[in-house]
Structure formats: structure tokens, C-alpha cells
Amino acid sequence: MFSTEVTALLRRILDDVCADASIGDSGIKARVASRLLECAAKGDVSVEALRAAGRCALEEARAT
């Protein structure tokens, strides 16, 4: 599916974006991960785009 480099980038962005989410918020982390995968699947694997997508998903998840 994704190259090793892209997979590592996705993991790093996920960890960075969710760093301040509480440990029990696995649902939030799953939503962020899903959004990152959607972004990458569309071919947008720039750090900036992934961070923006992850932060947006995190804000949306916290608002619900």
C-alpha cells in the first residue's frame, strides 16, 4: 500500500499530533489515523498536509 518511508512518516505525524491526547483516547487517535490515511491515499504525503489533516481531525474529535 504505502512505502516504508511514507508509513514511517504517517506514524511520526500521528504520534506528534496526538502527543497531548490522553492515553485513554484511543478513539481520537483512531480518527486522526484514519484522516491521515485518507490524505495519503489521495497522494498528498507532504508533512504540512498530513499535519494539517491530523490537527483538523483532532480538533473535530475533541469537539464531539
PDB file of N, CA and C in Angstrom:
ATOM      1  N   MET A   1       0.840  -1.187   0.000  1.00  0.00           N
ATOM      2  CA  MET A   1       0.000   0.000   0.000  1.00  0.00           C
ATOM      3  C   MET A   1       0.887   1.252   0.000  1.00  0.00           C
ATOM      4  N   PHE A   2       1.539   1.550   1.104  1.00  0.00           N
ATOM      5  CA  PHE A   2       2.432   2.705   1.185  1.00  0.00           C
ATOM      6  C   PHE A   2       3.861   2.224   1.329  1.00  0.00           C
ATOM      7  N   SER A   3       4.785   3.055   0.892  1.00  0.00           N
ATOM      8  CA  SER A   3       6.190   2.717   1.041  1.00  0.00           C
ATOM      9  C   SER A   3       6.572   2.755   2.522  1.00  0.00           C
ATOM     10  N   THR A   4       7.714   2.177   2.816  1.00  0.00           N
ATOM     11  CA  THR A   4       8.220   2.174   4.197  1.00  0.00           C
ATOM     12  C   THR A   4       8.405   3.597   4.703  1.00  0.00           C
ATOM     13  N   GLU A   5       8.878   4.472   3.831  1.00  0.00           N
ATOM     14  CA  GLU A   5       9.121   5.864   4.226  1.00  0.00           C
ATOM     15  C   GLU A   5       7.817   6.585   4.551  1.00  0.00           C
ATOM     16  N   VAL A   6       6.798   6.377   3.729  1.00  0.00           N
ATOM     17  CA  VAL A   6       5.511   7.030   3.964  1.00  0.00           C
ATOM     18  C   VAL A   6       4.867   6.473   5.231  1.00  0.00           C
ATOM     19  N   THR A   7       4.964   5.172   5.433  1.00  0.00           N
ATOM     20  CA  THR A   7       4.416   4.563   6.645  1.00  0.00           C
ATOM     21  C   THR A   7       5.082   5.143   7.887  1.00  0.00           C
ATOM     22  N   ALA A   8       6.391   5.290   7.850  1.00  0.00           N
ATOM     23  CA  ALA A   8       7.116   5.873   8.988  1.00  0.00           C
ATOM     24  C   ALA A   8       6.694   7.322   9.205  1.00  0.00           C
ATOM     25  N   LEU A   9       6.501   8.068   8.121  1.00  0.00           N
ATOM     26  CA  LEU A   9       6.060   9.453   8.232  1.00  0.00           C
ATOM     27  C   LEU A   9       4.667   9.528   8.843  1.00  0.00           C
ATOM     28  N   LEU A  10       3.761   8.669   8.392  1.00  0.00           N
ATOM     29  CA  LEU A  10       2.409   8.645   8.949  1.00  0.00           C
ATOM     30  C   LEU A  10       2.430   8.359  10.449  1.00  0.00           C
ATOM     31  N   ARG A  11       3.239   7.409  10.858  1.00  0.00           N
ATOM     32  CA  ARG A  11       3.343   7.091  12.292  1.00  0.00           C
ATOM     33  C   ARG A  11       3.890   8.265  13.083  1.00  0.00           C
ATOM     34  N   ARG A  12       4.920   8.924  12.526  1.00  0.00           N
ATOM     35  CA  ARG A  12       5.519  10.059  13.234  1.00  0.00           C
ATOM     36  C   ARG A  12       4.520  11.207  13.369  1.00  0.00           C
ATOM     37  N   ILE A  13       3.801  11.505  12.296  1.00  0.00           N
ATOM     38  CA  ILE A  13       2.809  12.583  12.341  1.00  0.00           C
ATOM     39  C   ILE A  13       1.696  12.229  13.318  1.00  0.00           C
ATOM     40  N   LEU A  14       1.243  10.986  13.300  1.00  0.00           N
ATOM     41  CA  LEU A  14       0.196  10.546  14.227  1.00  0.00           C
ATOM     42  C   LEU A  14       0.649  10.728  15.668  1.00  0.00           C
ATOM     43  N   ASP A  15       1.851  10.295  15.972  1.00  0.00           N
ATOM     44  CA  ASP A  15       2.375  10.442  17.332  1.00  0.00           C
ATOM     45  C   ASP A  15       2.523  11.911  17.719  1.00  0.00           C
ATOM     46  N   ASP A  16       3.004  12.728  16.783  1.00  0.00           N
ATOM     47  CA  ASP A  16       3.179  14.149  17.068  1.00  0.00           C
ATOM     48  C   ASP A  16       1.841  14.841  17.319  1.00  0.00           C
ATOM     49  N   VAL A  17       0.884  14.597  16.444  1.00  0.00           N
ATOM     50  CA  VAL A  17      -0.422  15.257  16.556  1.00  0.00           C
ATOM     51  C   VAL A  17      -1.157  14.818  17.825  1.00  0.00           C
ATOM     52  N   CYS A  18      -1.029  13.549  18.169  1.00  0.00           N
ATOM     53  CA  CYS A  18      -1.769  13.006  19.317  1.00  0.00           C
ATOM     54  C   CYS A  18      -0.951  13.015  20.607  1.00  0.00           C
ATOM     55  N   ALA A  19       0.171  13.681  20.613  1.00  0.00           N
ATOM     56  CA  ALA A  19       1.054  13.661  21.783  1.00  0.00           C
ATOM     57  C   ALA A  19       0.376  14.157  23.050  1.00  0.00           C
ATOM     58  N   ASP A  20      -0.503  15.143  22.916  1.00  0.00           N
ATOM     59  CA  ASP A  20      -1.142  15.674  24.121  1.00  0.00           C
ATOM     60  C   ASP A  20      -2.536  15.112  24.371  1.00  0.00           C
ATOM     61  N   ALA A  21      -2.968  14.170  23.527  1.00  0.00           N
ATOM     62  CA  ALA A  21      -4.237  13.480  23.791  1.00  0.00           C
ATOM     63  C   ALA A  21      -4.011  12.500  24.931  1.00  0.00           C
ATOM     64  N   SER A  22      -5.007  12.342  25.777  1.00  0.00           N
ATOM     65  CA  SER A  22      -4.822  11.434  26.903  1.00  0.00           C
ATOM     66  C   SER A  22      -4.697   9.994  26.411  1.00  0.00           C
ATOM     67  N   ILE A  23      -4.006   9.192  27.188  1.00  0.00           N
ATOM     68  CA  ILE A  23      -3.712   7.810  26.805  1.00  0.00           C
ATOM     69  C   ILE A  23      -4.990   7.013  26.562  1.00  0.00           C
ATOM     70  N   GLY A  24      -6.051   7.306  27.272  1.00  0.00           N
ATOM     71  CA  GLY A  24      -7.298   6.570  27.125  1.00  0.00           C
ATOM     72  C   GLY A  24      -8.118   6.951  25.902  1.00  0.00           C
ATOM     73  N   ASP A  25      -7.648   7.924  25.148  1.00  0.00           N
ATOM     74  CA  ASP A  25      -8.393   8.400  23.989  1.00  0.00           C
ATOM     75  C   ASP A  25      -8.004   7.657  22.715  1.00  0.00           C
ATOM     76  N   SER A  26      -8.150   6.354  22.723  1.00  0.00           N
ATOM     77  CA  SER A  26      -7.794   5.576  21.539  1.00  0.00           C
ATOM     78  C   SER A  26      -8.732   5.887  20.382  1.00  0.00           C
ATOM     79  N   GLY A  27      -9.961   6.277  20.677  1.00  0.00           N
ATOM     80  CA  GLY A  27     -10.908   6.648  19.629  1.00  0.00           C
ATOM     81  C   GLY A  27     -10.455   7.887  18.882  1.00  0.00           C
ATOM     82  N   ILE A  28      -9.916   8.841  19.613  1.00  0.00           N
ATOM     83  CA  ILE A  28      -9.405  10.057  18.983  1.00  0.00           C
ATOM     84  C   ILE A  28      -8.219   9.713  18.091  1.00  0.00           C
ATOM     85  N   LYS A  29      -7.317   8.915  18.602  1.00  0.00           N
ATOM     86  CA  LYS A  29      -6.134   8.539  17.823  1.00  0.00           C
ATOM     87  C   LYS A  29      -6.548   7.772  16.565  1.00  0.00           C
ATOM     88  N   ALA A  30      -7.566   6.937  16.676  1.00  0.00           N
ATOM     89  CA  ALA A  30      -8.055   6.188  15.514  1.00  0.00           C
ATOM     90  C   ALA A  30      -8.634   7.131  14.459  1.00  0.00           C
ATOM     91  N   ARG A  31      -9.350   8.169  14.900  1.00  0.00           N
ATOM     92  CA  ARG A  31      -9.915   9.134  13.950  1.00  0.00           C
ATOM     93  C   ARG A  31      -8.821   9.910  13.244  1.00  0.00           C
ATOM     94  N   VAL A  32      -7.811  10.296  13.989  1.00  0.00           N
ATOM     95  CA  VAL A  32      -6.688  11.021  13.386  1.00  0.00           C
ATOM     96  C   VAL A  32      -5.969  10.112  12.391  1.00  0.00           C
ATOM     97  N   ALA A  33      -5.721   8.865  12.788  1.00  0.00           N
ATOM     98  CA  ALA A  33      -5.045   7.914  11.904  1.00  0.00           C
ATOM     99  C   ALA A  33      -5.840   7.712  10.617  1.00  0.00           C
ATOM    100  N   SER A  34      -7.140   7.612  10.741  1.00  0.00           N
ATOM    101  CA  SER A  34      -7.997   7.427   9.576  1.00  0.00           C
ATOM    102  C   SER A  34      -7.882   8.613   8.625  1.00  0.00           C
ATOM    103  N   ARG A  35      -7.883   9.809   9.171  1.00  0.00           N
ATOM    104  CA  ARG A  35      -7.777  11.010   8.339  1.00  0.00           C
ATOM    105  C   ARG A  35      -6.411  11.078   7.653  1.00  0.00           C
ATOM    106  N   LEU A  36      -5.359  10.687   8.371  1.00  0.00           N
ATOM    107  CA  LEU A  36      -4.028  10.676   7.766  1.00  0.00           C
ATOM    108  C   LEU A  36      -3.959   9.685   6.612  1.00  0.00           C
ATOM    109  N   LEU A  37      -4.560   8.521   6.810  1.00  0.00           N
ATOM    110  CA  LEU A  37      -4.580   7.514   5.746  1.00  0.00           C
ATOM    111  C   LEU A  37      -5.362   8.001   4.532  1.00  0.00           C
ATOM    112  N   GLU A  38      -6.478   8.687   4.765  1.00  0.00           N
ATOM    113  CA  GLU A  38      -7.260   9.243   3.665  1.00  0.00           C
ATOM    114  C   GLU A  38      -6.424  10.240   2.866  1.00  0.00           C
ATOM    115  N   CYS A  39      -5.726  11.095   3.567  1.00  0.00           N
ATOM    116  CA  CYS A  39      -4.897  12.107   2.923  1.00  0.00           C
ATOM    117  C   CYS A  39      -3.794  11.438   2.095  1.00  0.00           C
ATOM    118  N   ALA A  40      -3.130  10.471   2.676  1.00  0.00           N
ATOM    119  CA  ALA A  40      -2.046   9.776   1.983  1.00  0.00           C
ATOM    120  C   ALA A  40      -2.568   8.986   0.789  1.00  0.00           C
ATOM    121  N   ALA A  41      -3.751   8.413   0.921  1.00  0.00           N
ATOM    122  CA  ALA A  41      -4.329   7.638  -0.176  1.00  0.00           C
ATOM    123  C   ALA A  41      -4.630   8.521  -1.382  1.00  0.00           C
ATOM    124  N   LYS A  42      -4.879   9.790  -1.143  1.00  0.00           N
ATOM    125  CA  LYS A  42      -5.113  10.738  -2.233  1.00  0.00           C
ATOM    126  C   LYS A  42      -3.799  11.203  -2.850  1.00  0.00           C
ATOM    127  N   GLY A  43      -2.683  10.744  -2.280  1.00  0.00           N
ATOM    128  CA  GLY A  43      -1.377  11.091  -2.823  1.00  0.00           C
ATOM    129  C   GLY A  43      -0.709  12.275  -2.169  1.00  0.00           C
ATOM    130  N   ASP A  44      -1.365  12.868  -1.194  1.00  0.00           N
ATOM    131  CA  ASP A  44      -0.797  14.034  -0.516  1.00  0.00           C
ATOM    132  C   ASP A  44      -0.046  13.570   0.726  1.00  0.00           C
ATOM    133  N   VAL A  45       1.250  13.389   0.570  1.00  0.00           N
ATOM    134  CA  VAL A  45       2.061  12.882   1.679  1.00  0.00           C
ATOM    135  C   VAL A  45       3.094  13.906   2.138  1.00  0.00           C
ATOM    136  N   SER A  46       2.813  15.182   1.887  1.00  0.00           N
ATOM    137  CA  SER A  46       3.720  16.212   2.397  1.00  0.00           C
ATOM    138  C   SER A  46       3.512  16.338   3.907  1.00  0.00           C
ATOM    139  N   VAL A  47       4.563  16.678   4.591  1.00  0.00           N
ATOM    140  CA  VAL A  47       4.485  16.826   6.048  1.00  0.00           C
ATOM    141  C   VAL A  47       3.438  17.865   6.421  1.00  0.00           C
ATOM    142  N   GLU A  48       3.421  18.969   5.703  1.00  0.00           N
ATOM    143  CA  GLU A  48       2.486  20.057   6.007  1.00  0.00           C
ATOM    144  C   GLU A  48       1.036  19.609   5.853  1.00  0.00           C
ATOM    145  N   ALA A  49       0.745  18.928   4.756  1.00  0.00           N
ATOM    146  CA  ALA A  49      -0.632  18.476   4.512  1.00  0.00           C
ATOM    147  C   ALA A  49      -1.059  17.446   5.542  1.00  0.00           C
ATOM    148  N   LEU A  50      -0.172  16.524   5.874  1.00  0.00           N
ATOM    149  CA  LEU A  50      -0.511  15.490   6.851  1.00  0.00           C
ATOM    150  C   LEU A  50      -0.722  16.092   8.235  1.00  0.00           C
ATOM    151  N   ARG A  51       0.146  17.013   8.624  1.00  0.00           N
ATOM    152  CA  ARG A  51      -0.030  17.673   9.932  1.00  0.00           C
ATOM    153  C   ARG A  51      -1.354  18.434   9.981  1.00  0.00           C
ATOM    154  N   ALA A  52      -1.663  19.154   8.911  1.00  0.00           N
ATOM    155  CA  ALA A  52      -2.915  19.916   8.876  1.00  0.00           C
ATOM    156  C   ALA A  52      -4.120  18.987   8.963  1.00  0.00           C
ATOM    157  N   ALA A  53      -4.088  17.893   8.218  1.00  0.00           N
ATOM    158  CA  ALA A  53      -5.196  16.932   8.253  1.00  0.00           C
ATOM    159  C   ALA A  53      -5.317  16.306   9.636  1.00  0.00           C
ATOM    160  N   GLY A  54      -4.192  15.972  10.230  1.00  0.00           N
ATOM    161  CA  GLY A  54      -4.210  15.378  11.572  1.00  0.00           C
ATOM    162  C   GLY A  54      -4.727  16.324  12.623  1.00  0.00           C
ATOM    163  N   ARG A  55      -4.287  17.572  12.565  1.00  0.00           N
ATOM    164  CA  ARG A  55      -4.761  18.563  13.543  1.00  0.00           C
ATOM    165  C   ARG A  55      -6.256  18.832  13.386  1.00  0.00           C
ATOM    166  N   CYS A  56      -6.699  18.892  12.148  1.00  0.00           N
ATOM    167  CA  CYS A  56      -8.131  19.103  11.891  1.00  0.00           C
ATOM    168  C   CYS A  56      -8.953  17.951  12.463  1.00  0.00           C
ATOM    169  N   ALA A  57      -8.508  16.730  12.226  1.00  0.00           N
ATOM    170  CA  ALA A  57      -9.215  15.559  12.754  1.00  0.00           C
ATOM    171  C   ALA A  57      -9.212  15.556  14.272  1.00  0.00           C
ATOM    172  N   LEU A  58      -8.098  15.959  14.877  1.00  0.00           N
ATOM    173  CA  LEU A  58      -8.003  16.008  16.337  1.00  0.00           C
ATOM    174  C   LEU A  58      -8.986  17.031  16.897  1.00  0.00           C
ATOM    175  N   GLU A  59      -9.046  18.208  16.293  1.00  0.00           N
ATOM    176  CA  GLU A  59      -9.982  19.236  16.751  1.00  0.00           C
ATOM    177  C   GLU A  59     -11.423  18.787  16.611  1.00  0.00           C
ATOM    178  N   GLU A  60     -11.737  18.137  15.490  1.00  0.00           N
ATOM    179  CA  GLU A  60     -13.102  17.641  15.284  1.00  0.00           C
ATOM    180  C   GLU A  60     -13.460  16.572  16.298  1.00  0.00           C
ATOM    181  N   ALA A  61     -12.513  15.678  16.576  1.00  0.00           N
ATOM    182  CA  ALA A  61     -12.774  14.606  17.531  1.00  0.00           C
ATOM    183  C   ALA A  61     -12.977  15.153  18.937  1.00  0.00           C
ATOM    184  N   ARG A  62     -12.218  16.155  19.289  1.00  0.00           N
ATOM    185  CA  ARG A  62     -12.370  16.738  20.625  1.00  0.00           C
ATOM    186  C   ARG A  62     -13.663  17.519  20.763  1.00  0.00           C
ATOM    187  N   ALA A  63     -14.182  18.045  19.661  1.00  0.00           N
ATOM    188  CA  ALA A  63     -15.404  18.838  19.697  1.00  0.00           C
ATOM    189  C   ALA A  63     -16.662  17.991  19.837  1.00  0.00           C
ATOM    190  N   THR A  64     -16.529  16.687  19.567  1.00  0.00           N
ATOM    191  CA  THR A  64     -17.722  15.839  19.632  1.00  0.00           C
ATOM    192  C   THR A  64     -17.863  15.172  20.964  1.00  0.00           C
TER     193      THR A  64
END
